[in-house]
PDB file of N, CA and C in Angstrom:
ATOM      1  N   UNK A   1     -14.205  -2.642  31.468  1.00  0.00           N
ATOM      2  CA  UNK A   1     -13.345  -2.299  30.351  1.00  0.00           C
ATOM      3  C   UNK A   1     -12.981  -3.496  29.486  1.00  0.00           C
ATOM      4  N   UNK A   2     -13.209  -3.733  28.510  1.00  0.00           N
ATOM      5  CA  UNK A   2     -12.923  -5.162  27.603  1.00  0.00           C
ATOM      6  C   UNK A   2     -11.613  -4.990  26.823  1.00  0.00           C
ATOM      7  N   UNK A   3     -11.410  -6.323  26.981  1.00  0.00           N
ATOM      8  CA  UNK A   3     -10.081  -6.673  26.673  1.00  0.00           C
ATOM      9  C   UNK A   3      -9.876  -6.429  24.757  1.00  0.00           C
ATOM     10  N   UNK A   4     -10.398  -5.427  24.058  1.00  0.00           N
ATOM     11  CA  UNK A   4     -10.065  -5.003  23.223  1.00  0.00           C
ATOM     12  C   UNK A   4     -10.064  -4.107  23.280  1.00  0.00           C
ATOM     13  N   UNK A   5     -10.949  -3.418  24.627  1.00  0.00           N
ATOM     14  CA  UNK A   5     -10.137  -2.209  24.414  1.00  0.00           C
ATOM     15  C   UNK A   5      -8.961  -1.688  24.811  1.00  0.00           C
ATOM     16  N   UNK A   6      -8.629  -2.598  26.038  1.00  0.00           N
ATOM     17  CA  UNK A   6      -7.562  -2.378  26.293  1.00  0.00           C
ATOM     18  C   UNK A   6      -6.655  -2.696  25.737  1.00  0.00           C
ATOM     19  N   UNK A   7      -6.198  -3.383  24.524  1.00  0.00           N
ATOM     20  CA  UNK A   7      -5.660  -4.023  23.699  1.00  0.00           C
ATOM     21  C   UNK A   7      -5.033  -3.266  22.712  1.00  0.00           C
ATOM     22  N   UNK A   8      -6.576  -2.284  21.867  1.00  0.00           N
ATOM     23  CA  UNK A   8      -6.182  -1.343  21.057  1.00  0.00           C
ATOM     24  C   UNK A   8      -5.167  -0.042  21.248  1.00  0.00           C
ATOM     25  N   UNK A   9      -4.484   0.046  19.847  1.00  0.00           N
ATOM     26  CA  UNK A   9      -3.444   1.060  20.498  1.00  0.00           C
ATOM     27  C   UNK A   9      -3.223   1.612  19.135  1.00  0.00           C
ATOM     28  N   UNK A  10      -3.184   2.702  18.579  1.00  0.00           N
ATOM     29  CA  UNK A  10      -1.949   3.112  17.730  1.00  0.00           C
ATOM     30  C   UNK A  10      -0.669   2.724  16.939  1.00  0.00           C
ATOM     31  N   UNK A  11      -0.516   1.735  15.964  1.00  0.00           N
ATOM     32  CA  UNK A  11       0.536   1.569  16.178  1.00  0.00           C
ATOM     33  C   UNK A  11       1.228   1.924  14.461  1.00  0.00           C
ATOM     34  N   UNK A  12       0.159   2.580  13.982  1.00  0.00           N
ATOM     35  CA  UNK A  12       0.281   3.214  12.307  1.00  0.00           C
ATOM     36  C   UNK A  12       1.090   4.662  12.928  1.00  0.00           C
ATOM     37  N   UNK A  13       2.037   4.747  11.750  1.00  0.00           N
ATOM     38  CA  UNK A  13       2.955   6.312  11.875  1.00  0.00           C
ATOM     39  C   UNK A  13       2.773   6.926  10.325  1.00  0.00           C
ATOM     40  N   UNK A  14       2.352   5.851   9.507  1.00  0.00           N
ATOM     41  CA  UNK A  14       2.414   6.852   7.999  1.00  0.00           C
ATOM     42  C   UNK A  14       1.942   5.577   7.239  1.00  0.00           C
ATOM     43  N   UNK A  15       1.489   6.166   6.142  1.00  0.00           N
ATOM     44  CA  UNK A  15       0.963   5.011   5.194  1.00  0.00           C
ATOM     45  C   UNK A  15       1.757   5.939   3.730  1.00  0.00           C
ATOM     46  N   UNK A  16       2.298   5.230   2.684  1.00  0.00           N
ATOM     47  CA  UNK A  16       2.320   6.025   1.191  1.00  0.00           C
ATOM     48  C   UNK A  16       2.445   5.257   0.600  1.00  0.00           C
ATOM     49  N   UNK A  17       1.612   5.363  -0.749  1.00  0.00           N
ATOM     50  CA  UNK A  17       0.922   4.868  -1.651  1.00  0.00           C
ATOM     51  C   UNK A  17       1.939   4.818  -2.551  1.00  0.00           C
ATOM     52  N   UNK A  18       2.407   3.188  -3.453  1.00  0.00           N
ATOM     53  CA  UNK A  18       2.930   3.299  -4.557  1.00  0.00           C
ATOM     54  C   UNK A  18       2.178   2.782  -5.677  1.00  0.00           C
ATOM     55  N   UNK A  19       2.989   3.032  -6.495  1.00  0.00           N
ATOM     56  CA  UNK A  19       2.295   3.091  -8.129  1.00  0.00           C
ATOM     57  C   UNK A  19       3.737   1.571  -8.945  1.00  0.00           C
ATOM     58  N   UNK A  20       3.476   0.304  -8.866  1.00  0.00           N
ATOM     59  CA  UNK A  20       4.403   0.253  -9.707  1.00  0.00           C
ATOM     60  C   UNK A  20       4.295  -0.065 -11.608  1.00  0.00           C
ATOM     61  N   UNK A  21       5.710   0.650 -12.205  1.00  0.00           N
ATOM     62  CA  UNK A  21       4.712   0.231 -13.600  1.00  0.00           C
ATOM     63  C   UNK A  21       5.339  -0.508 -14.334  1.00  0.00           C
ATOM     64  N   UNK A  22       5.193  -2.036 -14.473  1.00  0.00           N
ATOM     65  CA  UNK A  22       5.366  -2.928 -15.477  1.00  0.00           C
ATOM     66  C   UNK A  22       5.994  -2.694 -16.770  1.00  0.00           C
ATOM     67  N   UNK A  23       5.530  -1.771 -17.455  1.00  0.00           N
ATOM     68  CA  UNK A  23       5.817  -1.383 -18.948  1.00  0.00           C
ATOM     69  C   UNK A  23       6.109  -0.153 -18.763  1.00  0.00           C
ATOM     70  N   UNK A  24       6.727   0.639 -20.002  1.00  0.00           N
ATOM     71  CA  UNK A  24       6.720   1.662 -20.425  1.00  0.00           C
ATOM     72  C   UNK A  24       5.783   2.364 -21.158  1.00  0.00           C
ATOM     73  N   UNK A  25       6.199   3.883 -21.368  1.00  0.00           N
ATOM     74  CA  UNK A  25       4.943   4.607 -21.742  1.00  0.00           C
ATOM     75  C   UNK A  25       4.573   3.928 -23.577  1.00  0.00           C
ATOM     76  N   UNK A  26       5.656   3.022 -23.949  1.00  0.00           N
ATOM     77  CA  UNK A  26       5.366   2.471 -24.965  1.00  0.00           C
ATOM     78  C   UNK A  26       4.750   0.948 -25.311  1.00  0.00           C
ATOM     79  N   UNK A  27       4.579   0.899 -24.244  1.00  0.00           N
ATOM     80  CA  UNK A  27       4.157  -1.185 -23.895  1.00  0.00           C
ATOM     81  C   UNK A  27       5.059  -1.868 -23.360  1.00  0.00           C
ATOM     82  N   UNK A  28       6.366  -1.486 -24.033  1.00  0.00           N
ATOM     83  CA  UNK A  28       7.315  -2.248 -23.740  1.00  0.00           C
ATOM     84  C   UNK A  28       7.902  -2.799 -22.124  1.00  0.00           C
ATOM     85  N   UNK A  29       7.964  -3.912 -21.547  1.00  0.00           N
ATOM     86  CA  UNK A  29       7.911  -4.602 -20.113  1.00  0.00           C
ATOM     87  C   UNK A  29       9.046  -4.118 -19.528  1.00  0.00           C
ATOM     88  N   UNK A  30       9.595  -3.816 -18.504  1.00  0.00           N
ATOM     89  CA  UNK A  30      10.885  -3.284 -17.961  1.00  0.00           C
ATOM     90  C   UNK A  30      11.000  -4.648 -17.173  1.00  0.00           C
ATOM     91  N   UNK A  31      12.030  -4.259 -16.895  1.00  0.00           N
ATOM     92  CA  UNK A  31      13.088  -5.836 -16.194  1.00  0.00           C
ATOM     93  C   UNK A  31      13.146  -5.518 -14.910  1.00  0.00           C
ATOM     94  N   UNK A  32      12.422  -4.527 -14.137  1.00  0.00           N
ATOM     95  CA  UNK A  32      11.794  -4.400 -12.869  1.00  0.00           C
ATOM     96  C   UNK A  32      10.928  -2.729 -12.438  1.00  0.00           C
ATOM     97  N   UNK A  33      10.055  -3.053 -11.851  1.00  0.00           N
ATOM     98  CA  UNK A  33       8.802  -1.946 -12.038  1.00  0.00           C
ATOM     99  C   UNK A  33       9.204  -0.388 -11.631  1.00  0.00           C
ATOM    100  N   UNK A  34       8.910   0.820 -12.337  1.00  0.00           N
ATOM    101  CA  UNK A  34       9.147   2.036 -11.685  1.00  0.00           C
ATOM    102  C   UNK A  34       8.066   2.322 -10.947  1.00  0.00           C
ATOM    103  N   UNK A  35       8.571   2.528  -9.772  1.00  0.00           N
ATOM    104  CA  UNK A  35       7.640   2.910  -8.841  1.00  0.00           C
ATOM    105  C   UNK A  35       7.856   4.091  -8.833  1.00  0.00           C
ATOM    106  N   UNK A  36       6.327   4.801  -8.842  1.00  0.00           N
ATOM    107  CA  UNK A  36       6.219   6.120  -8.748  1.00  0.00           C
ATOM    108  C   UNK A  36       4.826   5.804  -7.497  1.00  0.00           C
ATOM    109  N   UNK A  37       5.040   7.241  -6.354  1.00  0.00           N
ATOM    110  CA  UNK A  37       4.470   7.482  -5.677  1.00  0.00           C
ATOM    111  C   UNK A  37       3.119   8.759  -6.291  1.00  0.00           C
ATOM    112  N   UNK A  38       2.041   8.820  -6.055  1.00  0.00           N
ATOM    113  CA  UNK A  38       1.226  10.147  -7.164  1.00  0.00           C
ATOM    114  C   UNK A  38       0.941  10.436  -6.079  1.00  0.00           C
ATOM    115  N   UNK A  39       0.833  11.654  -6.066  1.00  0.00           N
ATOM    116  CA  UNK A  39       0.478  13.070  -5.936  1.00  0.00           C
ATOM    117  C   UNK A  39      -0.573  12.649  -5.018  1.00  0.00           C
ATOM    118  N   UNK A  40      -0.664  13.356  -3.884  1.00  0.00           N
ATOM    119  CA  UNK A  40      -2.011  13.057  -2.892  1.00  0.00           C
ATOM    120  C   UNK A  40      -2.644  11.428  -2.367  1.00  0.00           C
ATOM    121  N   UNK A  41      -1.652  10.488  -2.972  1.00  0.00           N
ATOM    122  CA  UNK A  41      -2.035   9.638  -2.638  1.00  0.00           C
ATOM    123  C   UNK A  41      -3.260   9.225  -3.786  1.00  0.00           C
ATOM    124  N   UNK A  42      -3.368   9.726  -4.752  1.00  0.00           N
ATOM    125  CA  UNK A  42      -4.937   9.575  -5.763  1.00  0.00           C
ATOM    126  C   UNK A  42      -4.105   9.011  -7.076  1.00  0.00           C
ATOM    127  N   UNK A  43      -4.692   8.116  -7.558  1.00  0.00           N
ATOM    128  CA  UNK A  43      -4.725   7.675  -8.711  1.00  0.00           C
ATOM    129  C   UNK A  43      -5.119   6.877  -9.662  1.00  0.00           C
ATOM    130  N   UNK A  44      -5.545   6.787 -10.910  1.00  0.00           N
ATOM    131  CA  UNK A  44      -5.875   5.598 -11.639  1.00  0.00           C
ATOM    132  C   UNK A  44      -5.083   4.555 -11.860  1.00  0.00           C
ATOM    133  N   UNK A  45      -5.268   3.415 -12.069  1.00  0.00           N
ATOM    134  CA  UNK A  45      -4.653   2.202 -12.345  1.00  0.00           C
ATOM    135  C   UNK A  45      -5.379   1.306 -13.233  1.00  0.00           C
ATOM    136  N   UNK A  46      -4.451   0.648 -13.199  1.00  0.00           N
ATOM    137  CA  UNK A  46      -4.927  -0.138 -14.888  1.00  0.00           C
ATOM    138  C   UNK A  46      -5.472  -1.392 -13.732  1.00  0.00           C
ATOM    139  N   UNK A  47      -6.656  -1.686 -14.933  1.00  0.00           N
ATOM    140  CA  UNK A  47      -6.980  -3.770 -14.106  1.00  0.00           C
ATOM    141  C   UNK A  47      -5.929  -4.464 -13.793  1.00  0.00           C
ATOM    142  N   UNK A  48      -4.807  -5.025 -15.474  1.00  0.00           N
ATOM    143  CA  UNK A  48      -4.401  -5.440 -15.197  1.00  0.00           C
ATOM    144  C   UNK A  48      -2.761  -5.504 -14.191  1.00  0.00           C
ATOM    145  N   UNK A  49      -2.994  -6.410 -13.413  1.00  0.00           N
ATOM    146  CA  UNK A  49      -1.942  -6.621 -12.839  1.00  0.00           C
ATOM    147  C   UNK A  49      -0.294  -6.019 -13.305  1.00  0.00           C
ATOM    148  N   UNK A  50      -0.085  -6.760 -14.687  1.00  0.00           N
ATOM    149  CA  UNK A  50       1.332  -6.996 -14.881  1.00  0.00           C
ATOM    150  C   UNK A  50       1.484  -5.878 -15.597  1.00  0.00           C
ATOM    151  N   UNK A  51       0.315  -4.698 -15.842  1.00  0.00           N
ATOM    152  CA  UNK A  51       0.925  -3.648 -16.341  1.00  0.00           C
ATOM    153  C   UNK A  51       0.699  -2.501 -15.038  1.00  0.00           C
ATOM    154  N   UNK A  52       0.737  -2.692 -13.868  1.00  0.00           N
ATOM    155  CA  UNK A  52       0.444  -1.738 -13.092  1.00  0.00           C
ATOM    156  C   UNK A  52       0.328  -2.468 -11.562  1.00  0.00           C
ATOM    157  N   UNK A  53       1.170  -1.911 -11.193  1.00  0.00           N
ATOM    158  CA  UNK A  53       0.707  -3.380  -9.534  1.00  0.00           C
ATOM    159  C   UNK A  53       0.570  -1.588  -8.562  1.00  0.00           C
ATOM    160  N   UNK A  54      -0.188  -1.805  -7.518  1.00  0.00           N
ATOM    161  CA  UNK A  54      -0.156  -1.018  -6.111  1.00  0.00           C
ATOM    162  C   UNK A  54       0.616  -1.399  -5.131  1.00  0.00           C
ATOM    163  N   UNK A  55       1.617  -1.020  -4.255  1.00  0.00           N
ATOM    164  CA  UNK A  55       2.036  -0.638  -3.085  1.00  0.00           C
ATOM    165  C   UNK A  55       1.530  -0.014  -2.139  1.00  0.00           C
ATOM    166  N   UNK A  56       1.668  -0.328  -0.857  1.00  0.00           N
ATOM    167  CA  UNK A  56       1.475   0.461  -0.150  1.00  0.00           C
ATOM    168  C   UNK A  56       2.548   0.390   1.338  1.00  0.00           C
ATOM    169  N   UNK A  57       2.882   1.419   1.616  1.00  0.00           N
ATOM    170  CA  UNK A  57       4.553   1.121   2.348  1.00  0.00           C
ATOM    171  C   UNK A  57       3.963   1.658   3.857  1.00  0.00           C
ATOM    172  N   UNK A  58       3.586   0.906   4.987  1.00  0.00           N
ATOM    173  CA  UNK A  58       3.411   1.322   5.819  1.00  0.00           C
ATOM    174  C   UNK A  58       4.204   0.980   6.964  1.00  0.00           C
ATOM    175  N   UNK A  59       4.655   1.965   7.359  1.00  0.00           N
ATOM    176  CA  UNK A  59       5.367   2.621   8.372  1.00  0.00           C
ATOM    177  C   UNK A  59       4.640   2.189  10.058  1.00  0.00           C
ATOM    178  N   UNK A  60       5.339   2.119  10.925  1.00  0.00           N
ATOM    179  CA  UNK A  60       4.468   1.779  12.575  1.00  0.00           C
ATOM    180  C   UNK A  60       4.977   2.782  13.503  1.00  0.00           C
ATOM    181  N   UNK A  61       4.596   3.221  14.231  1.00  0.00           N
ATOM    182  CA  UNK A  61       4.824   4.245  15.189  1.00  0.00           C
ATOM    183  C   UNK A  61       6.027   3.661  16.491  1.00  0.00           C
ATOM    184  N   UNK A  62       5.847   2.622  16.567  1.00  0.00           N
ATOM    185  CA  UNK A  62       6.831   1.972  17.850  1.00  0.00           C
ATOM    186  C   UNK A  62       7.319   0.717  17.015  1.00  0.00           C
ATOM    187  N   UNK A  63       8.420   0.314  16.592  1.00  0.00           N
ATOM    188  CA  UNK A  63       8.778  -0.949  16.382  1.00  0.00           C
ATOM    189  C   UNK A  63       8.882  -2.307  17.048  1.00  0.00           C
ATOM    190  N   UNK A  64       8.727  -2.388  18.342  1.00  0.00           N
ATOM    191  CA  UNK A  64       8.590  -2.999  19.058  1.00  0.00           C
ATOM    192  C   UNK A  64       7.052  -3.876  18.949  1.00  0.00           C
ATOM    193  N   UNK A  65       6.635  -3.507  18.104  1.00  0.00           N
ATOM    194  CA  UNK A  65       4.892  -3.558  17.504  1.00  0.00           C
ATOM    195  C   UNK A  65       4.833  -3.598  15.900  1.00  0.00           C
ATOM    196  N   UNK A  66       6.028  -3.609  15.677  1.00  0.00           N
ATOM    197  CA  UNK A  66       6.027  -3.628  13.737  1.00  0.00           C
ATOM    198  C   UNK A  66       5.483  -5.536  13.466  1.00  0.00           C
ATOM    199  N   UNK A  67       5.224  -6.596  13.948  1.00  0.00           N
ATOM    200  CA  UNK A  67       4.827  -7.656  14.182  1.00  0.00           C
ATOM    201  C   UNK A  67       2.883  -7.544  14.240  1.00  0.00           C
ATOM    202  N   UNK A  68       2.569  -7.159  14.741  1.00  0.00           N
ATOM    203  CA  UNK A  68       1.397  -6.463  14.985  1.00  0.00           C
ATOM    204  C   UNK A  68       0.513  -5.739  13.961  1.00  0.00           C
ATOM    205  N   UNK A  69       1.334  -5.376  12.997  1.00  0.00           N
ATOM    206  CA  UNK A  69       0.792  -4.245  11.957  1.00  0.00           C
ATOM    207  C   UNK A  69       0.061  -5.310  11.317  1.00  0.00           C
ATOM    208  N   UNK A  70      -1.297  -4.706  10.432  1.00  0.00           N
ATOM    209  CA  UNK A  70      -2.033  -5.142   9.738  1.00  0.00           C
ATOM    210  C   UNK A  70      -2.730  -4.689   8.766  1.00  0.00           C
ATOM    211  N   UNK A  71      -3.026  -5.493   7.816  1.00  0.00           N
ATOM    212  CA  UNK A  71      -3.620  -4.342   6.757  1.00  0.00           C
ATOM    213  C   UNK A  71      -5.171  -5.202   6.360  1.00  0.00           C
ATOM    214  N   UNK A  72      -5.414  -4.594   5.683  1.00  0.00           N
ATOM    215  CA  UNK A  72      -7.468  -5.360   5.166  1.00  0.00           C
ATOM    216  C   UNK A  72      -7.653  -4.719   4.000  1.00  0.00           C
ATOM    217  N   UNK A  73      -7.494  -5.574   3.123  1.00  0.00           N
ATOM    218  CA  UNK A  73      -8.099  -5.634   1.494  1.00  0.00           C
ATOM    219  C   UNK A  73      -9.663  -5.626   1.600  1.00  0.00           C
ATOM    220  N   UNK A  74     -10.305  -4.471   1.609  1.00  0.00           N
ATOM    221  CA  UNK A  74     -12.111  -4.475   0.880  1.00  0.00           C
ATOM    222  C   UNK A  74     -12.179  -4.640  -0.449  1.00  0.00           C
ATOM    223  N   UNK A  75     -12.812  -6.106  -0.480  1.00  0.00           N
ATOM    224  CA  UNK A  75     -13.114  -6.855  -1.947  1.00  0.00           C
ATOM    225  C   UNK A  75     -14.212  -5.879  -2.632  1.00  0.00           C
ATOM    226  N   UNK A  76     -14.571  -5.913  -1.081  1.00  0.00           N
ATOM    227  CA  UNK A  76     -15.690  -4.740  -2.152  1.00  0.00           C
ATOM    228  C   UNK A  76     -15.736  -3.119  -2.279  1.00  0.00           C
ATOM    229  N   UNK A  77     -15.159  -2.884  -1.768  1.00  0.00           N
ATOM    230  CA  UNK A  77     -14.980  -0.971  -2.315  1.00  0.00           C
ATOM    231  C   UNK A  77     -15.210  -1.185  -4.126  1.00  0.00           C
ATOM    232  N   UNK A  78     -15.762   0.294  -3.781  1.00  0.00           N
ATOM    233  CA  UNK A  78     -16.647   0.640  -5.592  1.00  0.00           C
ATOM    234  C   UNK A  78     -15.081   1.456  -6.131  1.00  0.00           C
TER     235      UNK A  78
END
């Protein structure tokens, strides 16, 4: 058995997508973003992060391994 196989384990418990709105519906800038969890973790987001920002809250299965949790951004995704 390889080192990778023996070292791999499930550390994720859950993930929740949130969208932070930096402006209100009239376009006024907010002091603090309004954070909203979209239904079914599916929503269209604005291309300008000054208007909207996406957050992903990830919880680990075992808190002893929280420092081993890693996320990856796929810049090639459509």
